[in-house]
C-alpha atoms as a PDB file:
ATOM      1  CA  MET A   1      63.458 -29.988   3.693  1.00  0.00           C
ATOM      2  CA  ALA A   2      60.436 -27.834   4.591  1.00  0.00           C
ATOM      3  CA  LEU A   3      60.192 -24.446   2.925  1.00  0.00           C
ATOM      4  CA  GLN A   4      59.921 -21.772   5.628  1.00  0.00           C
ATOM      5  CA  ASN A   5      58.628 -18.297   4.910  1.00  0.00           C
ATOM      6  CA  GLN A   6      60.894 -15.315   4.470  1.00  0.00           C
ATOM      7  CA  ALA A   7      60.113 -11.863   5.790  1.00  0.00           C
ATOM      8  CA  THR A   8      60.506  -8.231   4.954  1.00  0.00           C
ATOM      9  CA  GLN A   9      59.083  -5.497   7.141  1.00  0.00           C
ATOM     10  CA  ALA A  10      58.239  -1.852   6.603  1.00  0.00           C
ATOM     11  CA  GLU A  11      60.763   0.020   8.715  1.00  0.00           C
ATOM     12  CA  THR A  12      58.967   3.344   8.776  1.00  0.00           C
ATOM     13  CA  ALA A  13      56.150   3.742  11.255  1.00  0.00           C
ATOM     14  CA  PRO A  14      52.954   5.308   9.889  1.00  0.00           C
ATOM     15  CA  ALA A  15      52.396   8.992  10.404  1.00  0.00           C
ATOM     16  CA  PRO A  16      50.518   9.755  13.622  1.00  0.00           C
ATOM     17  CA  VAL A  17      46.812  10.369  13.265  1.00  0.00           C
ATOM     18  CA  LYS A  18      45.425  13.553  14.759  1.00  0.00           C
ATOM     19  CA  ASN A  19      42.601  13.149  17.256  1.00  0.00           C
ATOM     20  CA  ALA A  20      42.738   9.369  16.899  1.00  0.00           C
ATOM     21  CA  LEU A  21      40.908   8.916  20.200  1.00  0.00           C
ATOM     22  CA  LEU A  22      37.895  10.668  18.712  1.00  0.00           C
ATOM     23  CA  GLN A  23      37.803   8.558  15.559  1.00  0.00           C
ATOM     24  CA  GLU A  24      34.775   6.447  16.386  1.00  0.00           C
ATOM     25  CA  VAL A  25      32.310   4.837  14.010  1.00  0.00           C
ATOM     26  CA  THR A  26      28.907   6.485  13.833  1.00  0.00           C
ATOM     27  CA  HIS A  27      26.906   3.844  15.647  1.00  0.00           C
ATOM     28  CA  ALA A  28      23.394   2.774  14.938  1.00  0.00           C
ATOM     29  CA  LYS A  29      21.365   1.381  17.819  1.00  0.00           C
ATOM     30  CA  PHE A  30      23.099  -1.800  18.909  1.00  0.00           C
ATOM     31  CA  GLU A  31      21.940  -4.205  21.578  1.00  0.00           C
ATOM     32  CA  HIS A  32      25.408  -4.488  23.160  1.00  0.00           C
ATOM     33  CA  PRO A  33      26.943  -1.002  23.448  1.00  0.00           C
ATOM     34  CA  GLU A  34      29.763  -2.382  25.614  1.00  0.00           C
ATOM     35  CA  PHE A  35      31.078  -4.124  22.485  1.00  0.00           C
ATOM     36  CA  LEU A  36      30.958  -1.203  20.078  1.00  0.00           C
ATOM     37  CA  SER A  37      33.955  -0.114  18.025  1.00  0.00           C
ATOM     38  CA  THR A  38      36.714   1.926  19.623  1.00  0.00           C
ATOM     39  CA  PHE A  39      39.995   3.196  18.190  1.00  0.00           C
ATOM     40  CA  PRO A  40      42.105   4.303  21.185  1.00  0.00           C
ATOM     41  CA  PRO A  41      45.499   5.857  20.327  1.00  0.00           C
ATOM     42  CA  THR A  42      47.485   2.904  21.672  1.00  0.00           C
ATOM     43  CA  THR A  43      50.469   1.629  19.718  1.00  0.00           C
ATOM     44  CA  TYR A  44      52.313  -1.660  20.015  1.00  0.00           C
ATOM     45  CA  PRO A  45      55.790  -2.936  19.093  1.00  0.00           C
ATOM     46  CA  ARG A  46      56.367  -5.346  16.253  1.00  0.00           C
ATOM     47  CA  ILE A  47      55.166  -8.856  16.944  1.00  0.00           C
ATOM     48  CA  PRO A  48      58.093 -11.196  17.703  1.00  0.00           C
ATOM     49  CA  VAL A  49      58.205 -14.868  16.829  1.00  0.00           C
ATOM     50  CA  LEU A  50      55.695 -16.478  19.170  1.00  0.00           C
ATOM     51  CA  PRO A  51      55.762 -20.007  20.594  1.00  0.00           C
ATOM     52  CA  VAL A  52      52.668 -21.956  19.585  1.00  0.00           C
ATOM     53  CA  GLU A  53      51.509 -25.476  20.315  1.00  0.00           C
ATOM     54  CA  ASP A  54      48.690 -26.872  18.215  1.00  0.00           C
ATOM     55  CA  ARG A  55      46.293 -28.397  20.717  1.00  0.00           C
ATOM     56  CA  ALA A  56      44.786 -30.649  18.060  1.00  0.00           C
ATOM     57  CA  LEU A  57      47.955 -32.744  18.166  1.00  0.00           C
ATOM     58  CA  LYS A  58      46.994 -33.811  21.699  1.00  0.00           C
ATOM     59  CA  ALA A  59      43.398 -34.701  20.821  1.00  0.00           C
ATOM     60  CA  ASP A  60      41.753 -38.110  20.946  1.00  0.00           C
ATOM     61  CA  PRO A  61      40.958 -38.852  17.273  1.00  0.00           C
ATOM     62  CA  THR A  62      37.733 -40.643  18.250  1.00  0.00           C
ATOM     63  CA  PHE A  63      36.294 -37.364  19.613  1.00  0.00           C
ATOM     64  CA  LYS A  64      34.862 -39.365  22.515  1.00  0.00           C
ATOM     65  CA  ASN A  65      34.935 -36.394  24.890  1.00  0.00           C
ATOM     66  CA  LEU A  66      33.631 -33.656  22.599  1.00  0.00           C
ATOM     67  CA  LEU A  67      30.894 -35.589  20.829  1.00  0.00           C
ATOM     68  CA  ALA A  68      29.657 -37.843  23.640  1.00  0.00           C
ATOM     69  CA  ASN A  69      26.461 -35.823  24.132  1.00  0.00           C
ATOM     70  CA  ALA A  70      26.464 -33.744  20.962  1.00  0.00           C
ATOM     71  CA  THR A  71      24.370 -33.858  17.821  1.00  0.00           C
ATOM     72  CA  VAL A  72      26.542 -33.654  14.706  1.00  0.00           C
ATOM     73  CA  ASN A  73      25.315 -32.193  11.422  1.00  0.00           C
ATOM     74  CA  HIS A  74      27.806 -32.059   8.548  1.00  0.00           C
ATOM     75  CA  LEU A  75      26.582 -29.234   6.318  1.00  0.00           C
ATOM     76  CA  GLU A  76      28.663 -30.007   3.231  1.00  0.00           C
ATOM     77  CA  PRO A  77      30.793 -33.018   2.225  1.00  0.00           C
ATOM     78  CA  THR A  78      34.207 -31.421   2.802  1.00  0.00           C
ATOM     79  CA  ILE A  79      33.539 -28.364   4.965  1.00  0.00           C
ATOM     80  CA  GLY A  80      31.249 -27.143   7.712  1.00  0.00           C
ATOM     81  CA  THR A  81      29.839 -28.970  10.724  1.00  0.00           C
ATOM     82  CA  GLU A  82      27.187 -27.777  13.164  1.00  0.00           C
ATOM     83  CA  LEU A  83      27.249 -29.153  16.707  1.00  0.00           C
ATOM     84  CA  SER A  84      24.334 -28.869  19.106  1.00  0.00           C
ATOM     85  CA  GLY A  85      24.083 -29.868  22.749  1.00  0.00           C
ATOM     86  CA  ILE A  86      27.358 -28.139  23.649  1.00  0.00           C
ATOM     87  CA  GLN A  87      28.089 -24.937  25.552  1.00  0.00           C
ATOM     88  CA  LEU A  88      31.607 -23.786  24.722  1.00  0.00           C
ATOM     89  CA  ARG A  89      32.116 -22.151  28.110  1.00  0.00           C
ATOM     90  CA  GLU A  90      31.854 -25.599  29.734  1.00  0.00           C
ATOM     91  CA  LEU A  91      34.457 -27.419  27.634  1.00  0.00           C
ATOM     92  CA  THR A  92      37.213 -29.361  29.359  1.00  0.00           C
ATOM     93  CA  ALA A  93      40.789 -29.272  28.086  1.00  0.00           C
ATOM     94  CA  ALA A  94      40.286 -32.633  26.364  1.00  0.00           C
ATOM     95  CA  GLN A  95      37.156 -31.347  24.640  1.00  0.00           C
ATOM     96  CA  LYS A  96      38.938 -28.180  23.504  1.00  0.00           C
ATOM     97  CA  ASP A  97      41.716 -30.296  22.016  1.00  0.00           C
ATOM     98  CA  GLU A  98      39.199 -32.428  20.140  1.00  0.00           C
ATOM     99  CA  LEU A  99      37.372 -29.320  18.931  1.00  0.00           C
ATOM    100  CA  ALA A 100      40.627 -28.073  17.440  1.00  0.00           C
ATOM    101  CA  LEU A 101      41.111 -31.421  15.704  1.00  0.00           C
ATOM    102  CA  LEU A 102      37.576 -31.334  14.324  1.00  0.00           C
ATOM    103  CA  VAL A 103      38.085 -27.796  13.019  1.00  0.00           C
ATOM    104  CA  ALA A 104      41.421 -28.773  11.461  1.00  0.00           C
ATOM    105  CA  HIS A 105      39.605 -31.449   9.453  1.00  0.00           C
ATOM    106  CA  ARG A 106      36.237 -29.774   8.785  1.00  0.00           C
ATOM    107  CA  GLY A 107      37.439 -26.189   8.317  1.00  0.00           C
ATOM    108  CA  VAL A 108      34.660 -24.495  10.277  1.00  0.00           C
ATOM    109  CA  VAL A 109      32.384 -25.665  13.094  1.00  0.00           C
ATOM    110  CA  PHE A 110      29.203 -23.837  14.143  1.00  0.00           C
ATOM    111  CA  PHE A 111      27.353 -23.574  17.446  1.00  0.00           C
ATOM    112  CA  ARG A 112      24.075 -21.798  18.190  1.00  0.00           C
ATOM    113  CA  ASP A 113      22.676 -20.212  21.353  1.00  0.00           C
ATOM    114  CA  GLN A 114      26.031 -19.831  23.070  1.00  0.00           C
ATOM    115  CA  ASP A 115      26.052 -17.996  26.416  1.00  0.00           C
ATOM    116  CA  ILE A 116      29.843 -17.687  26.433  1.00  0.00           C
ATOM    117  CA  THR A 117      31.005 -14.313  27.779  1.00  0.00           C
ATOM    118  CA  ALA A 118      33.646 -12.098  26.200  1.00  0.00           C
ATOM    119  CA  GLU A 119      36.111 -13.162  28.883  1.00  0.00           C
ATOM    120  CA  GLN A 120      35.385 -16.836  28.231  1.00  0.00           C
ATOM    121  CA  GLN A 121      35.713 -16.368  24.479  1.00  0.00           C
ATOM    122  CA  LEU A 122      39.100 -14.751  25.033  1.00  0.00           C
ATOM    123  CA  GLU A 123      40.104 -17.605  27.341  1.00  0.00           C
ATOM    124  CA  LEU A 124      39.108 -20.157  24.704  1.00  0.00           C
ATOM    125  CA  GLY A 125      41.108 -18.341  22.054  1.00  0.00           C
ATOM    126  CA  ARG A 126      44.130 -18.026  24.329  1.00  0.00           C
ATOM    127  CA  TYR A 127      44.012 -21.785  24.888  1.00  0.00           C
ATOM    128  CA  TYR A 128      44.802 -22.214  21.197  1.00  0.00           C
ATOM    129  CA  GLY A 129      47.561 -19.633  20.953  1.00  0.00           C
ATOM    130  CA  PRO A 130      48.784 -16.093  21.704  1.00  0.00           C
ATOM    131  CA  LEU A 131      46.061 -13.609  20.807  1.00  0.00           C
ATOM    132  CA  HIS A 132      46.436 -11.231  17.889  1.00  0.00           C
ATOM    133  CA  ILE A 133      45.755  -7.495  18.216  1.00  0.00           C
ATOM    134  CA  GLN A 134      44.697  -6.216  14.804  1.00  0.00           C
ATOM    135  CA  GLN A 135      46.874  -3.441  13.370  1.00  0.00           C
ATOM    136  CA  ASN A 136      44.069  -0.978  12.648  1.00  0.00           C
ATOM    137  CA  LEU A 137      40.553  -2.415  12.933  1.00  0.00           C
ATOM    138  CA  ALA A 138      38.197  -1.667  15.802  1.00  0.00           C
ATOM    139  CA  HIS A 139      38.253  -3.479  19.113  1.00  0.00           C
ATOM    140  CA  THR A 140      36.191  -3.219  22.276  1.00  0.00           C
ATOM    141  CA  LYS A 141      36.983  -0.570  24.839  1.00  0.00           C
ATOM    142  CA  GLN A 142      37.991  -3.090  27.491  1.00  0.00           C
ATOM    143  CA  TYR A 143      39.794  -5.756  25.455  1.00  0.00           C
ATOM    144  CA  PRO A 144      42.173  -4.920  22.573  1.00  0.00           C
ATOM    145  CA  GLU A 145      42.259  -8.630  21.636  1.00  0.00           C
ATOM    146  CA  LEU A 146      38.477  -8.625  21.087  1.00  0.00           C
ATOM    147  CA  LEU A 147      37.996  -7.384  17.535  1.00  0.00           C
ATOM    148  CA  VAL A 148      34.660  -5.782  16.705  1.00  0.00           C
ATOM    149  CA  VAL A 149      32.825  -6.722  13.525  1.00  0.00           C
ATOM    150  CA  GLU A 150      30.223  -3.993  13.420  1.00  0.00           C
ATOM    151  CA  ASN A 151      28.424  -3.891  10.085  1.00  0.00           C
ATOM    152  CA  SER A 152      25.885  -1.089  10.077  1.00  0.00           C
ATOM    153  CA  VAL A 153      24.926   1.226   7.235  1.00  0.00           C
ATOM    154  CA  GLU A 154      27.755   3.563   8.193  1.00  0.00           C
ATOM    155  CA  SER A 155      30.536   1.024   8.645  1.00  0.00           C
ATOM    156  CA  SER A 156      29.565  -1.149   5.667  1.00  0.00           C
ATOM    157  CA  ALA A 157      29.553   1.651   3.121  1.00  0.00           C
ATOM    158  CA  ALA A 158      33.341   1.899   2.921  1.00  0.00           C
ATOM    159  CA  VAL A 159      33.713  -1.869   2.571  1.00  0.00           C
ATOM    160  CA  LEU A 160      31.215  -1.985  -0.265  1.00  0.00           C
ATOM    161  CA  LYS A 161      32.863   0.933  -2.024  1.00  0.00           C
ATOM    162  CA  ARG A 162      36.321  -0.592  -1.658  1.00  0.00           C
ATOM    163  CA  HIS A 163      35.317  -4.001  -2.987  1.00  0.00           C
ATOM    164  CA  HIS A 164      32.887  -2.689  -5.604  1.00  0.00           C
ATOM    165  CA  TYR A 165      30.628  -5.648  -4.789  1.00  0.00           C
ATOM    166  CA  ASP A 166      33.351  -7.912  -6.180  1.00  0.00           C
ATOM    167  CA  PRO A 167      32.541 -11.509  -5.171  1.00  0.00           C
ATOM    168  CA  VAL A 168      36.090 -12.614  -6.018  1.00  0.00           C
ATOM    169  CA  ASN A 169      38.184 -10.049  -4.162  1.00  0.00           C
ATOM    170  CA  ALA A 170      36.126 -10.248  -0.969  1.00  0.00           C
ATOM    171  CA  TRP A 171      37.232 -13.837  -0.272  1.00  0.00           C
ATOM    172  CA  HIS A 172      40.131 -13.842   2.173  1.00  0.00           C
ATOM    173  CA  THR A 173      41.868 -15.414   5.128  1.00  0.00           C
ATOM    174  CA  ASP A 174      42.444 -13.120   8.092  1.00  0.00           C
ATOM    175  CA  VAL A 175      45.658 -11.073   8.390  1.00  0.00           C
ATOM    176  CA  SER A 176      47.696 -13.426   6.219  1.00  0.00           C
ATOM    177  CA  TYR A 177      50.345 -10.692   6.115  1.00  0.00           C
ATOM    178  CA  GLU A 178      51.486 -11.517   9.652  1.00  0.00           C
ATOM    179  CA  ARG A 179      54.549 -13.695  10.269  1.00  0.00           C
ATOM    180  CA  GLN A 180      52.279 -16.161  12.088  1.00  0.00           C
ATOM    181  CA  PRO A 181      48.775 -15.854  10.620  1.00  0.00           C
ATOM    182  CA  PRO A 182      45.805 -17.052  12.687  1.00  0.00           C
ATOM    183  CA  SER A 183      44.802 -20.603  13.445  1.00  0.00           C
ATOM    184  CA  TYR A 184      41.552 -21.366  15.319  1.00  0.00           C
ATOM    185  CA  THR A 185      39.499 -18.174  15.134  1.00  0.00           C
ATOM    186  CA  THR A 186      36.168 -17.639  16.903  1.00  0.00           C
ATOM    187  CA  LEU A 187      33.403 -15.219  15.942  1.00  0.00           C
ATOM    188  CA  LYS A 188      30.325 -14.753  18.112  1.00  0.00           C
ATOM    189  CA  VAL A 189      27.391 -12.873  16.609  1.00  0.00           C
ATOM    190  CA  LEU A 190      25.627 -10.631  19.113  1.00  0.00           C
ATOM    191  CA  SER A 191      22.875  -9.373  16.830  1.00  0.00           C
ATOM    192  CA  THR A 192      21.830 -10.032  13.256  1.00  0.00           C
ATOM    193  CA  PRO A 193      19.656  -8.437  10.590  1.00  0.00           C
ATOM    194  CA  ASP A 194      16.202  -9.897  10.066  1.00  0.00           C
ATOM    195  CA  VAL A 195      17.266 -11.234   6.672  1.00  0.00           C
ATOM    196  CA  GLY A 196      20.683 -11.699   5.079  1.00  0.00           C
ATOM    197  CA  GLY A 197      24.148 -11.222   6.504  1.00  0.00           C
ATOM    198  CA  ASP A 198      25.325 -14.791   5.925  1.00  0.00           C
ATOM    199  CA  THR A 199      29.000 -15.768   5.845  1.00  0.00           C
ATOM    200  CA  LEU A 200      30.522 -18.270   3.427  1.00  0.00           C
ATOM    201  CA  TRP A 201      33.628 -20.403   3.927  1.00  0.00           C
ATOM    202  CA  ALA A 202      35.635 -22.243   1.274  1.00  0.00           C
ATOM    203  CA  ASP A 203      37.786 -25.326   1.835  1.00  0.00           C
ATOM    204  CA  ALA A 204      41.425 -24.542   0.990  1.00  0.00           C
ATOM    205  CA  TYR A 205      42.307 -28.256   1.015  1.00  0.00           C
ATOM    206  CA  ALA A 206      39.714 -28.956  -1.668  1.00  0.00           C
ATOM    207  CA  ALA A 207      40.709 -25.827  -3.569  1.00  0.00           C
ATOM    208  CA  TYR A 208      44.193 -27.299  -3.864  1.00  0.00           C
ATOM    209  CA  ASP A 209      42.988 -30.854  -4.545  1.00  0.00           C
ATOM    210  CA  ARG A 210      40.734 -29.741  -7.417  1.00  0.00           C
ATOM    211  CA  LEU A 211      43.595 -28.207  -9.358  1.00  0.00           C
ATOM    212  CA  THR A 212      45.001 -30.411 -12.107  1.00  0.00           C
ATOM    213  CA  PRO A 213      48.080 -32.449 -11.157  1.00  0.00           C
ATOM    214  CA  ALA A 214      50.245 -30.356 -13.476  1.00  0.00           C
ATOM    215  CA  PHE A 215      49.056 -27.094 -11.952  1.00  0.00           C
ATOM    216  CA  ARG A 216      49.429 -28.436  -8.415  1.00  0.00           C
ATOM    217  CA  LYS A 217      53.018 -29.313  -9.223  1.00  0.00           C
ATOM    218  CA  PHE A 218      53.574 -25.811 -10.599  1.00  0.00           C
ATOM    219  CA  VAL A 219      52.240 -23.900  -7.572  1.00  0.00           C
ATOM    220  CA  GLU A 220      53.840 -26.140  -4.947  1.00  0.00           C
ATOM    221  CA  GLY A 221      56.969 -24.462  -3.690  1.00  0.00           C
ATOM    222  CA  LEU A 222      56.019 -21.003  -4.964  1.00  0.00           C
ATOM    223  CA  VAL A 223      56.227 -18.181  -2.436  1.00  0.00           C
ATOM    224  CA  ALA A 224      53.984 -15.109  -2.318  1.00  0.00           C
ATOM    225  CA  ALA A 225      54.287 -11.776  -0.542  1.00  0.00           C
ATOM    226  CA  HIS A 226      51.432 -10.819   1.784  1.00  0.00           C
ATOM    227  CA  SER A 227      51.187  -7.192   2.884  1.00  0.00           C
ATOM    228  CA  GLY A 228      49.286  -5.221   5.517  1.00  0.00           C
ATOM    229  CA  LYS A 229      50.274  -1.864   4.040  1.00  0.00           C
ATOM    230  CA  ILE A 230      47.131  -1.164   2.019  1.00  0.00           C
ATOM    231  CA  GLN A 231      44.891  -1.978   4.977  1.00  0.00           C
ATOM    232  CA  ALA A 232      46.938   0.426   7.109  1.00  0.00           C
ATOM    233  CA  GLU A 233      46.706   3.114   4.435  1.00  0.00           C
ATOM    234  CA  HIS A 234      42.915   2.803   4.402  1.00  0.00           C
ATOM    235  CA  ALA A 235      42.900   3.346   8.164  1.00  0.00           C
ATOM    236  CA  ILE A 236      45.052   6.463   7.871  1.00  0.00           C
ATOM    237  CA  GLU A 237      42.796   7.811   5.115  1.00  0.00           C
ATOM    238  CA  ALA A 238      39.855   7.341   7.473  1.00  0.00           C
ATOM    239  CA  GLY A 239      41.686   9.258  10.203  1.00  0.00           C
ATOM    240  CA  ARG A 240      42.174   6.239  12.451  1.00  0.00           C
ATOM    241  CA  ILE A 241      45.088   4.848  14.381  1.00  0.00           C
ATOM    242  CA  VAL A 242      47.557   2.290  13.031  1.00  0.00           C
ATOM    243  CA  ARG A 243      48.833   0.425  16.078  1.00  0.00           C
ATOM    244  CA  ARG A 244      52.132  -0.850  14.687  1.00  0.00           C
ATOM    245  CA  PRO A 245      54.129  -0.355  11.493  1.00  0.00           C
ATOM    246  CA  PRO A 246      52.547  -2.459   8.727  1.00  0.00           C
ATOM    247  CA  VAL A 247      54.439  -5.591   7.777  1.00  0.00           C
ATOM    248  CA  GLU A 248      54.971  -7.755   4.733  1.00  0.00           C
ATOM    249  CA  PHE A 249      55.850 -11.437   4.911  1.00  0.00           C
ATOM    250  CA  GLU A 250      56.407 -14.136   2.348  1.00  0.00           C
ATOM    251  CA  HIS A 251      54.440 -17.377   2.699  1.00  0.00           C
ATOM    252  CA  PRO A 252      54.187 -20.511   0.558  1.00  0.00           C
ATOM    253  CA  VAL A 253      51.388 -20.456  -2.019  1.00  0.00           C
ATOM    254  CA  VAL A 254      50.570 -23.993  -0.886  1.00  0.00           C
ATOM    255  CA  ARG A 255      51.068 -24.668   2.803  1.00  0.00           C
ATOM    256  CA  THR A 256      51.195 -27.917   4.758  1.00  0.00           C
ATOM    257  CA  HIS A 257      48.788 -28.173   7.671  1.00  0.00           C
ATOM    258  CA  PRO A 258      50.668 -29.225  10.837  1.00  0.00           C
ATOM    259  CA  VAL A 259      47.835 -31.451  12.071  1.00  0.00           C
ATOM    260  CA  THR A 260      46.179 -33.033   9.042  1.00  0.00           C
ATOM    261  CA  LYS A 261      49.377 -32.956   6.926  1.00  0.00           C
ATOM    262  CA  ARG A 262      47.171 -31.947   3.999  1.00  0.00           C
ATOM    263  CA  LYS A 263      48.119 -29.271   1.497  1.00  0.00           C
ATOM    264  CA  ALA A 264      46.063 -26.083   1.416  1.00  0.00           C
ATOM    265  CA  LEU A 265      45.982 -23.161  -0.989  1.00  0.00           C
ATOM    266  CA  PHE A 266      47.148 -20.028   0.829  1.00  0.00           C
ATOM    267  CA  VAL A 267      46.686 -16.867  -1.245  1.00  0.00           C
ATOM    268  CA  ASN A 268      43.920 -14.267  -1.105  1.00  0.00           C
ATOM    269  CA  ALA A 269      43.048 -11.061  -2.922  1.00  0.00           C
ATOM    270  CA  ALA A 270      42.888  -8.992   0.256  1.00  0.00           C
ATOM    271  CA  PHE A 271      46.531  -9.357   1.270  1.00  0.00           C
ATOM    272  CA  THR A 272      48.532 -11.358  -1.307  1.00  0.00           C
ATOM    273  CA  LYS A 273      50.406  -8.949  -3.546  1.00  0.00           C
ATOM    274  CA  ARG A 274      52.697 -10.945  -5.808  1.00  0.00           C
ATOM    275  CA  ILE A 275      54.340 -14.307  -6.367  1.00  0.00           C
ATOM    276  CA  LYS A 276      58.081 -14.317  -5.985  1.00  0.00           C
ATOM    277  CA  ASN A 277      60.288 -15.170  -8.996  1.00  0.00           C
ATOM    278  CA  LEU A 278      57.460 -14.645 -11.509  1.00  0.00           C
ATOM    279  CA  SER A 279      57.077 -11.593 -13.701  1.00  0.00           C
ATOM    280  CA  SER A 280      54.312  -9.155 -12.778  1.00  0.00           C
ATOM    281  CA  ALA A 281      52.184 -10.418 -15.653  1.00  0.00           C
ATOM    282  CA  GLU A 282      52.740 -14.062 -14.700  1.00  0.00           C
ATOM    283  CA  SER A 283      52.064 -13.416 -11.023  1.00  0.00           C
ATOM    284  CA  ASP A 284      48.886 -11.464 -11.755  1.00  0.00           C
ATOM    285  CA  ALA A 285      47.594 -14.178 -14.081  1.00  0.00           C
ATOM    286  CA  VAL A 286      48.235 -17.008 -11.616  1.00  0.00           C
ATOM    287  CA  LEU A 287      46.735 -15.142  -8.673  1.00  0.00           C
ATOM    288  CA  LYS A 288      43.687 -14.050 -10.662  1.00  0.00           C
ATOM    289  CA  PHE A 289      43.059 -17.654 -11.658  1.00  0.00           C
ATOM    290  CA  LEU A 290      43.426 -18.929  -8.090  1.00  0.00           C
ATOM    291  CA  TYR A 291      41.126 -16.251  -6.647  1.00  0.00           C
ATOM    292  CA  LYS A 292      38.460 -17.080  -9.234  1.00  0.00           C
ATOM    293  CA  HIS A 293      38.966 -20.797  -8.585  1.00  0.00           C
ATOM    294  CA  VAL A 294      38.145 -20.271  -4.893  1.00  0.00           C
ATOM    295  CA  ALA A 295      35.244 -17.868  -5.471  1.00  0.00           C
ATOM    296  CA  GLU A 296      33.555 -20.179  -7.970  1.00  0.00           C
ATOM    297  CA  GLY A 297      34.275 -23.410  -6.112  1.00  0.00           C
ATOM    298  CA  HIS A 298      30.719 -23.951  -4.925  1.00  0.00           C
ATOM    299  CA  GLU A 299      31.338 -27.668  -4.419  1.00  0.00           C
ATOM    300  CA  PHE A 300      33.751 -26.882  -1.582  1.00  0.00           C
ATOM    301  CA  GLN A 301      31.926 -23.990   0.075  1.00  0.00           C
ATOM    302  CA  VAL A 302      29.485 -23.743   2.969  1.00  0.00           C
ATOM    303  CA  ARG A 303      27.079 -20.899   3.753  1.00  0.00           C
ATOM    304  CA  PHE A 304      25.964 -20.183   7.311  1.00  0.00           C
ATOM    305  CA  ARG A 305      22.854 -18.249   8.314  1.00  0.00           C
ATOM    306  CA  TRP A 306      23.650 -16.442  11.546  1.00  0.00           C
ATOM    307  CA  THR A 307      21.301 -16.294  14.508  1.00  0.00           C
ATOM    308  CA  LYS A 308      21.742 -14.327  17.709  1.00  0.00           C
ATOM    309  CA  ASN A 309      24.504 -15.812  19.914  1.00  0.00           C
ATOM    310  CA  ALA A 310      25.686 -18.217  17.227  1.00  0.00           C
ATOM    311  CA  LEU A 311      29.432 -18.827  17.207  1.00  0.00           C
ATOM    312  CA  ALA A 312      31.756 -20.130  14.502  1.00  0.00           C
ATOM    313  CA  ILE A 313      35.263 -21.428  14.987  1.00  0.00           C
ATOM    314  CA  TRP A 314      37.311 -21.859  11.830  1.00  0.00           C
ATOM    315  CA  ASP A 315      40.841 -22.678  10.806  1.00  0.00           C
ATOM    316  CA  ASN A 316      42.349 -19.718   8.958  1.00  0.00           C
ATOM    317  CA  ARG A 317      45.121 -21.997   7.693  1.00  0.00           C
ATOM    318  CA  SER A 318      42.787 -24.168   5.633  1.00  0.00           C
ATOM    319  CA  THR A 319      39.783 -21.995   4.767  1.00  0.00           C
ATOM    320  CA  PHE A 320      38.800 -18.760   3.093  1.00  0.00           C
ATOM    321  CA  HIS A 321      35.720 -16.770   4.077  1.00  0.00           C
ATOM    322  CA  TYR A 322      33.408 -14.157   2.618  1.00  0.00           C
ATOM    323  CA  ALA A 323      30.950 -11.946   4.516  1.00  0.00           C
ATOM    324  CA  THR A 324      27.857 -10.907   2.574  1.00  0.00           C
ATOM    325  CA  PHE A 325      26.561  -7.334   2.670  1.00  0.00           C
ATOM    326  CA  ASP A 326      23.035  -7.983   1.449  1.00  0.00           C
ATOM    327  CA  TYR A 327      21.157  -6.858   4.550  1.00  0.00           C
ATOM    328  CA  LEU A 328      21.440  -3.051   4.607  1.00  0.00           C
ATOM    329  CA  PRO A 329      19.930  -1.054   6.229  1.00  0.00           C
ATOM    330  CA  GLY A 330      19.988  -3.816   8.838  1.00  0.00           C
ATOM    331  CA  ASN A 331      22.833  -4.218  11.335  1.00  0.00           C
ATOM    332  CA  ARG A 332      25.189  -7.069  12.140  1.00  0.00           C
ATOM    333  CA  HIS A 333      27.341  -7.020  15.272  1.00  0.00           C
ATOM    334  CA  ALA A 334      29.919  -9.620  16.312  1.00  0.00           C
ATOM    335  CA  VAL A 335      33.174 -10.034  18.225  1.00  0.00           C
ATOM    336  CA  ARG A 336      36.184 -12.027  17.038  1.00  0.00           C
ATOM    337  CA  VAL A 337      39.100 -13.633  18.874  1.00  0.00           C
ATOM    338  CA  THR A 338      42.121 -14.503  16.748  1.00  0.00           C
ATOM    339  CA  PRO A 339      44.977 -16.719  18.021  1.00  0.00           C
ATOM    340  CA  HIS A 340      48.284 -16.772  16.176  1.00  0.00           C
ATOM    341  CA  GLY A 341      49.266 -20.013  14.467  1.00  0.00           C
ATOM    342  CA  GLU A 342      52.629 -21.346  13.383  1.00  0.00           C
ATOM    343  CA  ILE A 343      54.828 -19.827  10.689  1.00  0.00           C
ATOM    344  CA  PRO A 344      53.396 -21.212   7.415  1.00  0.00           C
ATOM    345  CA  TYR A 345      55.526 -23.827   5.715  1.00  0.00           C
ATOM    346  CA  PHE A 346      55.407 -26.226   2.789  1.00  0.00           C
ATOM    347  CA  ASP A 347      56.839 -29.697   3.231  1.00  0.00           C
ATOM    348  CA  PRO A 348      57.477 -31.335  -0.157  1.00  0.00           C
ATOM    349  CA  ASP A 349      58.219 -34.668   1.502  1.00  0.00           C
ATOM    350  CA  ILE A 350      54.664 -35.055   2.799  1.00  0.00           C
ATOM    351  CA  THR A 351      51.969 -36.383   0.491  1.00  0.00           C
ATOM    352  CA  SER A 352      48.449 -35.231   1.354  1.00  0.00           C
ATOM    353  CA  PRO A 353      46.359 -38.083   2.807  1.00  0.00           C
END
């Protein structure tokens, strides 16, 4: 029988933030001011269980619609594909389904020179699932579902200080503390630094597969707690709004992908706090090993050099990612759309293909 996640939630709402409406990032000169960070004092109720339907399950496995006029460039053996000759705003439903299937298998797919608008990016994300509103990070003034990734000198300083340039702890999968963490996430880069600012992705299927059989057997069936509390606390310390009480959910350490049926490692240093039924010392040791295993797994990573109007779509269920901060004092500006996926589960009766 499949192992479903269990949940615990913080019952106390965070203390209100004074003058939250005025808590704006100090902006450098950005090309798209309409997409700059805002932190309006809007709060939201807890997120209920959401119905989701993975569109990849309806896709033609030959990709005859999506790839008919596209050029395909696989960047690494197990992860990362760049497609050219496609404008995402023009995709049909059949092509969107096949794109989801391709992402489910390849982890992340890249497109350059995309003229997709914010509204069209939101529409594409909504096609794949209900859209997530982040608990405390910036979004655009017009669309709360359009998260702003605005990395200037001012906004990057806190990130660098918090991570201490740690190449292990910066690897993560987005908002894994939610009951239904994201599936097919899109990020469009509006402007880039002249040099640097790349993003790396790691293949969570391969991260699992490269463990020894004995260790795979050990971690299968383990459950870990993922928490959004620390992220919320950082927001409060910065004087910004927290839109809903932070939550903590338990997810399997190894999850089964609903489309590929492959097993993927699903822990990250940003949000995973402990492994259930292990002592603190045991949990810390296992997690530290797994984080290092992902960070140093260069054979199952891909690095993407952003260009203006490039867009990536990745599967948060089967990848980790890491944004580099090697470009200061340059600026990087992007917008992200994040659909909810299913509740993570581990099915012991399925053997990875």
